[in-house]
Structures are given as C-alpha cells and as structure tokens.
C-alpha cells in the first residue's frame, strides 16, 4: 500500500468512525469496502441491522454519503457494496 492509498483509507475510516456510533445504536454498522478515485466512487458495506433494513438507502444517501462528501471532495458518490 502506498502512502496516498494509506492516507485516503485512513481518512475514510476516521469519517466512518464518526458515523458508526449512530448506526450501532440501531444494531448496524458500516465498513469501507473499496473505492475508485478515477470515477470518484466510494463503496461501503452496511452490516448488521443496516444490511437488511428497508430504509438503508436513506441511511446511505442522507447520512453516510452526505457526511463523507462534505469531508472528502475527491468522491462524488457513495455506493453500497453488496456481499
């Protein structure tokens, strides 16, 4: 892992650490899955209750995406990685 990759992943994980407590209150969680800087897309994996929640897309768009895009302008979109 080069230093730029490490810095980006660290920054993403620091942001996710700020979001995580809100998700964990409802039995959910989020983790970094992968990202594509060329396309400006960050993929996250929703876990626990968030994984099957019928309003998870709202959590992704109104919560996670808004928070990350405000902090990391290099990303234009956040998508859910389905496993």
C-alpha atoms as a PDB file:
ATOM      1  CA  UNK A   1       0.000   0.000   0.000  1.00  0.00           C
ATOM      2  CA  UNK A   2       1.478   3.336  -0.994  1.00  0.00           C
ATOM      3  CA  UNK A   3       1.270   6.386   1.246  1.00  0.00           C
ATOM      4  CA  UNK A   4      -1.506   8.052  -0.788  1.00  0.00           C
ATOM      5  CA  UNK A   5      -3.653   4.914  -0.578  1.00  0.00           C
ATOM      6  CA  UNK A   6      -2.971   4.650   3.150  1.00  0.00           C
ATOM      7  CA  UNK A   7      -3.830   8.306   3.711  1.00  0.00           C
ATOM      8  CA  UNK A   8      -7.113   8.036   1.802  1.00  0.00           C
ATOM      9  CA  UNK A   9      -8.124   4.842   3.603  1.00  0.00           C
ATOM     10  CA  UNK A  10      -7.207   6.353   6.977  1.00  0.00           C
ATOM     11  CA  UNK A  11      -9.272   9.457   6.257  1.00  0.00           C
ATOM     12  CA  UNK A  12     -12.265   7.349   5.133  1.00  0.00           C
ATOM     13  CA  UNK A  13     -12.022   5.182   8.237  1.00  0.00           C
ATOM     14  CA  UNK A  14     -11.802   8.227  10.517  1.00  0.00           C
ATOM     15  CA  UNK A  15     -15.004   9.571   8.970  1.00  0.00           C
ATOM     16  CA  UNK A  16     -16.728   6.186   9.250  1.00  0.00           C
ATOM     17  CA  UNK A  17     -15.681   6.066  12.914  1.00  0.00           C
ATOM     18  CA  UNK A  18     -17.689   9.268  13.465  1.00  0.00           C
ATOM     19  CA  UNK A  19     -20.765   7.808  11.746  1.00  0.00           C
ATOM     20  CA  UNK A  20     -20.515   4.322  13.245  1.00  0.00           C
ATOM     21  CA  UNK A  21     -21.952   5.075  16.747  1.00  0.00           C
ATOM     22  CA  UNK A  22     -25.233   6.272  15.236  1.00  0.00           C
ATOM     23  CA  UNK A  23     -25.579   3.078  13.227  1.00  0.00           C
ATOM     24  CA  UNK A  24     -24.556   0.887  16.138  1.00  0.00           C
ATOM     25  CA  UNK A  25     -27.349   2.370  18.281  1.00  0.00           C
ATOM     26  CA  UNK A  26     -29.764   0.529  15.987  1.00  0.00           C
ATOM     27  CA  UNK A  27     -27.707  -2.662  15.685  1.00  0.00           C
ATOM     28  CA  UNK A  28     -25.978  -1.733  12.431  1.00  0.00           C
ATOM     29  CA  UNK A  29     -22.527  -0.782  11.243  1.00  0.00           C
ATOM     30  CA  UNK A  30     -20.594   0.300   8.164  1.00  0.00           C
ATOM     31  CA  UNK A  31     -17.168  -0.517   6.747  1.00  0.00           C
ATOM     32  CA  UNK A  32     -15.039   0.549   3.820  1.00  0.00           C
ATOM     33  CA  UNK A  33     -15.297  -1.988   1.003  1.00  0.00           C
ATOM     34  CA  UNK A  34     -13.279  -0.312  -1.785  1.00  0.00           C
ATOM     35  CA  UNK A  35     -13.002   2.893  -3.743  1.00  0.00           C
ATOM     36  CA  UNK A  36     -12.331   4.129  -7.262  1.00  0.00           C
ATOM     37  CA  UNK A  37     -10.676   7.544  -7.222  1.00  0.00           C
ATOM     38  CA  UNK A  38     -10.716   7.797 -11.022  1.00  0.00           C
ATOM     39  CA  UNK A  39     -14.523   7.636 -11.014  1.00  0.00           C
ATOM     40  CA  UNK A  40     -14.919   9.323  -7.605  1.00  0.00           C
ATOM     41  CA  UNK A  41     -16.886   6.438  -6.112  1.00  0.00           C
ATOM     42  CA  UNK A  42     -16.550   5.048  -2.605  1.00  0.00           C
ATOM     43  CA  UNK A  43     -18.105   1.666  -1.852  1.00  0.00           C
ATOM     44  CA  UNK A  44     -19.151   0.857   1.696  1.00  0.00           C
ATOM     45  CA  UNK A  45     -20.606  -2.295   3.176  1.00  0.00           C
ATOM     46  CA  UNK A  46     -23.544  -1.968   5.528  1.00  0.00           C
ATOM     47  CA  UNK A  47     -23.503  -4.522   8.324  1.00  0.00           C
ATOM     48  CA  UNK A  48     -25.811  -5.913  10.983  1.00  0.00           C
ATOM     49  CA  UNK A  49     -29.305  -4.446  11.072  1.00  0.00           C
ATOM     50  CA  UNK A  50     -28.357  -1.915   8.376  1.00  0.00           C
ATOM     51  CA  UNK A  51     -27.662  -4.682   5.874  1.00  0.00           C
ATOM     52  CA  UNK A  52     -31.300  -5.786   5.660  1.00  0.00           C
ATOM     53  CA  UNK A  53     -33.028  -2.580   6.721  1.00  0.00           C
ATOM     54  CA  UNK A  54     -35.692  -1.418   4.247  1.00  0.00           C
ATOM     55  CA  UNK A  55     -34.562   2.210   4.629  1.00  0.00           C
ATOM     56  CA  UNK A  56     -30.834   1.501   4.298  1.00  0.00           C
ATOM     57  CA  UNK A  57     -30.704   3.526   1.078  1.00  0.00           C
ATOM     58  CA  UNK A  58     -31.864   6.559   3.071  1.00  0.00           C
ATOM     59  CA  UNK A  59     -29.149   5.880   5.647  1.00  0.00           C
ATOM     60  CA  UNK A  60     -26.628   5.628   2.832  1.00  0.00           C
ATOM     61  CA  UNK A  61     -27.717   8.760   0.934  1.00  0.00           C
ATOM     62  CA  UNK A  62     -28.906  11.126   3.670  1.00  0.00           C
ATOM     63  CA  UNK A  63     -26.379  10.120   6.311  1.00  0.00           C
ATOM     64  CA  UNK A  64     -23.241   8.361   5.175  1.00  0.00           C
ATOM     65  CA  UNK A  65     -22.943   9.890   1.703  1.00  0.00           C
ATOM     66  CA  UNK A  66     -23.652  13.450   2.817  1.00  0.00           C
ATOM     67  CA  UNK A  67     -21.145  13.223   5.651  1.00  0.00           C
ATOM     68  CA  UNK A  68     -18.357  11.728   3.515  1.00  0.00           C
ATOM     69  CA  UNK A  69     -18.884  14.025   0.513  1.00  0.00           C
ATOM     70  CA  UNK A  70     -18.702  17.078   2.767  1.00  0.00           C
ATOM     71  CA  UNK A  71     -15.367  15.870   4.137  1.00  0.00           C
ATOM     72  CA  UNK A  72     -13.798  14.326   1.027  1.00  0.00           C
ATOM     73  CA  UNK A  73     -14.451  16.252  -2.197  1.00  0.00           C
ATOM     74  CA  UNK A  74     -12.469  13.689  -4.193  1.00  0.00           C
ATOM     75  CA  UNK A  75     -15.554  11.460  -4.028  1.00  0.00           C
ATOM     76  CA  UNK A  76     -18.700  12.242  -5.963  1.00  0.00           C
ATOM     77  CA  UNK A  77     -20.820   9.262  -4.983  1.00  0.00           C
ATOM     78  CA  UNK A  78     -21.099   6.610  -2.273  1.00  0.00           C
ATOM     79  CA  UNK A  79     -22.437   3.196  -3.220  1.00  0.00           C
ATOM     80  CA  UNK A  80     -23.340   0.134  -1.208  1.00  0.00           C
ATOM     81  CA  UNK A  81     -21.188  -2.917  -1.831  1.00  0.00           C
ATOM     82  CA  UNK A  82     -23.367  -5.988  -1.635  1.00  0.00           C
ATOM     83  CA  UNK A  83     -21.743  -9.178  -0.478  1.00  0.00           C
END
